[in-house]
Amino acid sequence: QVRVMESGGGLVQAGDSLRLSCTGSGRSFRALGMEWFRQASGKEREFVAGTDWTGSKTRYSDSVKGRFTISKDDAMNTAYLQMNRLTPEDTAVYYCAAVLWGSAQPINDEEYDFWGQGTQVTVSS
């Protein structure tokens, strides 16, 4: 059974960078497509970035394209979200989600195999 857990959130200032990690347990991490979502207070959860199970294909929302980078290190059982040029609009709880043989294409929430518990990112102006 694989579990995933996020880390790396915190309070930063606008313009700063932050790297989130999503670490998985279990032997199946190599077969997992990994995606990041976020949910700001009072808003619906939204897709941020995804990578397919090979790590070679990525997808980003328009709001983060060019600023955020998703990557996957199977040797470390970890996916990363490098976030640059952060703005207050990036403030949210960030979640990672995993799906076996994922293609980086966001799918319905219930179709993901694993979800993390979330990590708070707060960007002050």
Protein backbone atom coordinates (compact mmCIF):
# COMPACT_ATOMS: atom_id res chain seq x y z
CA GLN A 1 0.00 0.00 0.00
CA VAL A 2 1.41 3.39 -1.02
CA ARG A 3 0.89 6.52 0.98
CA VAL A 4 1.97 10.01 0.01
CA MET A 5 2.81 12.92 2.26
CA GLU A 6 3.56 16.54 1.42
CA SER A 7 6.15 18.73 3.06
CA GLY A 8 7.88 22.04 2.46
CA GLY A 9 5.05 24.49 2.91
CA GLY A 10 5.48 27.69 4.87
CA LEU A 11 5.22 31.47 4.97
CA VAL A 12 7.15 33.40 2.35
CA GLN A 13 7.09 36.85 0.81
CA ALA A 14 5.90 37.73 -2.66
CA GLY A 15 8.62 37.05 -5.20
CA ASP A 16 10.19 34.28 -3.12
CA SER A 17 10.59 30.65 -4.08
CA LEU A 18 9.52 27.47 -2.30
CA ARG A 19 9.86 23.79 -3.07
CA LEU A 20 7.22 21.32 -2.02
CA SER A 21 7.92 17.62 -1.72
CA CYS A 22 5.56 14.69 -1.94
CA THR A 23 7.13 11.52 -0.62
CA GLY A 24 5.59 8.13 -1.17
CA SER A 25 5.95 4.92 0.74
CA GLY A 26 5.70 1.50 -0.85
CA ARG A 27 7.19 -0.12 -3.90
CA SER A 28 4.88 1.26 -6.56
CA PHE A 29 6.11 4.85 -6.64
CA ARG A 30 7.86 4.35 -9.97
CA ALA A 31 4.50 3.55 -11.56
CA LEU A 32 2.74 6.62 -10.21
CA GLY A 33 1.73 9.70 -12.11
CA MET A 34 1.96 12.59 -9.66
CA GLU A 35 -0.12 15.75 -9.58
CA TRP A 36 -0.37 18.83 -7.41
CA PHE A 37 -3.58 20.58 -6.51
CA ARG A 38 -4.29 23.56 -4.31
CA GLN A 39 -7.25 24.90 -2.45
CA ALA A 40 -7.43 28.50 -1.31
CA SER A 41 -9.75 29.47 1.52
CA GLY A 42 -13.32 29.65 0.29
CA LYS A 43 -12.47 28.29 -3.15
CA GLU A 44 -12.66 24.95 -4.87
CA ARG A 45 -9.61 22.77 -5.21
CA GLU A 46 -7.82 23.33 -8.51
CA PHE A 47 -5.25 21.48 -10.56
CA VAL A 48 -1.78 23.02 -10.49
CA ALA A 49 0.66 20.66 -12.18
CA GLY A 50 1.09 17.03 -13.14
CA THR A 51 3.69 14.61 -14.39
CA ASP A 52 3.14 11.24 -15.97
CA TRP A 53 4.45 8.08 -14.38
CA THR A 54 7.69 8.23 -16.40
CA GLY A 55 8.39 11.81 -15.39
CA SER A 56 8.82 12.82 -19.02
CA LYS A 57 5.47 14.53 -19.60
CA THR A 58 4.26 17.48 -17.60
CA ARG A 59 1.19 19.69 -17.56
CA TYR A 60 0.51 23.00 -15.83
CA SER A 61 -2.39 25.27 -15.17
CA ASP A 62 -2.21 28.62 -16.92
CA SER A 63 -1.89 30.42 -13.60
CA VAL A 64 1.43 28.76 -12.75
CA LYS A 65 2.92 28.01 -16.16
CA GLY A 66 6.41 29.46 -16.40
CA ARG A 67 6.73 29.84 -12.62
CA PHE A 68 6.23 26.33 -11.24
CA THR A 69 8.04 23.14 -12.19
CA ILE A 70 6.97 19.62 -11.32
CA SER A 71 9.45 16.78 -11.24
CA LYS A 72 9.68 13.22 -10.03
CA ASP A 73 12.62 11.34 -8.54
CA ASP A 74 11.82 7.66 -8.39
CA ALA A 75 15.05 6.85 -6.57
CA MET A 76 13.89 9.10 -3.74
CA ASN A 77 10.22 8.13 -3.99
CA THR A 78 9.53 11.85 -4.15
CA ALA A 79 7.80 14.30 -6.43
CA TYR A 80 8.60 18.00 -6.23
CA LEU A 81 6.88 21.24 -7.01
CA GLN A 82 9.35 24.07 -7.43
CA MET A 83 7.48 27.34 -7.07
CA ASN A 84 9.15 30.57 -8.17
CA ARG A 85 8.00 34.20 -8.22
CA LEU A 86 5.26 33.44 -5.72
CA THR A 87 2.38 35.86 -5.36
CA PRO A 88 -0.30 36.21 -2.66
CA GLU A 89 -2.70 34.52 -5.11
CA ASP A 90 -0.66 31.33 -4.69
CA THR A 91 -1.66 31.13 -1.03
CA ALA A 92 -3.45 27.83 -0.50
CA VAL A 93 -3.24 24.36 0.92
CA TYR A 94 -1.30 22.28 -1.58
CA TYR A 95 -2.10 18.60 -2.05
CA CYS A 96 -0.34 15.91 -3.99
CA ALA A 97 -2.25 13.11 -5.62
CA ALA A 98 -1.04 9.95 -7.27
CA VAL A 99 -2.52 7.60 -9.80
CA LEU A 100 -1.04 4.40 -11.14
CA TRP A 101 0.23 4.81 -14.71
CA GLY A 102 -0.89 8.41 -14.65
CA SER A 103 -0.50 10.50 -17.82
CA ALA A 104 -0.28 13.98 -16.19
CA GLN A 105 -3.83 14.63 -17.32
CA PRO A 106 -6.02 15.67 -14.38
CA ILE A 107 -8.86 13.23 -13.70
CA ASN A 108 -11.82 13.09 -11.35
CA ASP A 109 -10.87 13.28 -7.68
CA GLU A 110 -12.18 9.82 -6.89
CA GLU A 111 -10.02 8.27 -9.60
CA TYR A 112 -6.76 9.10 -7.85
CA ASP A 113 -5.29 6.21 -5.93
CA PHE A 114 -3.66 8.26 -3.19
CA TRP A 115 -3.96 11.74 -1.73
CA GLY A 116 -1.72 13.52 0.72
CA GLN A 117 -2.97 15.46 3.71
CA GLY A 118 -1.90 18.84 2.36
CA THR A 119 0.66 21.49 3.25
CA GLN A 120 -0.05 25.18 3.74
CA VAL A 121 1.65 27.77 1.57
CA THR A 122 1.16 31.39 2.55
CA VAL A 123 2.57 34.23 0.47
CA SER A 124 2.58 37.67 2.04
CA SER A 125 2.56 40.86 -0.02
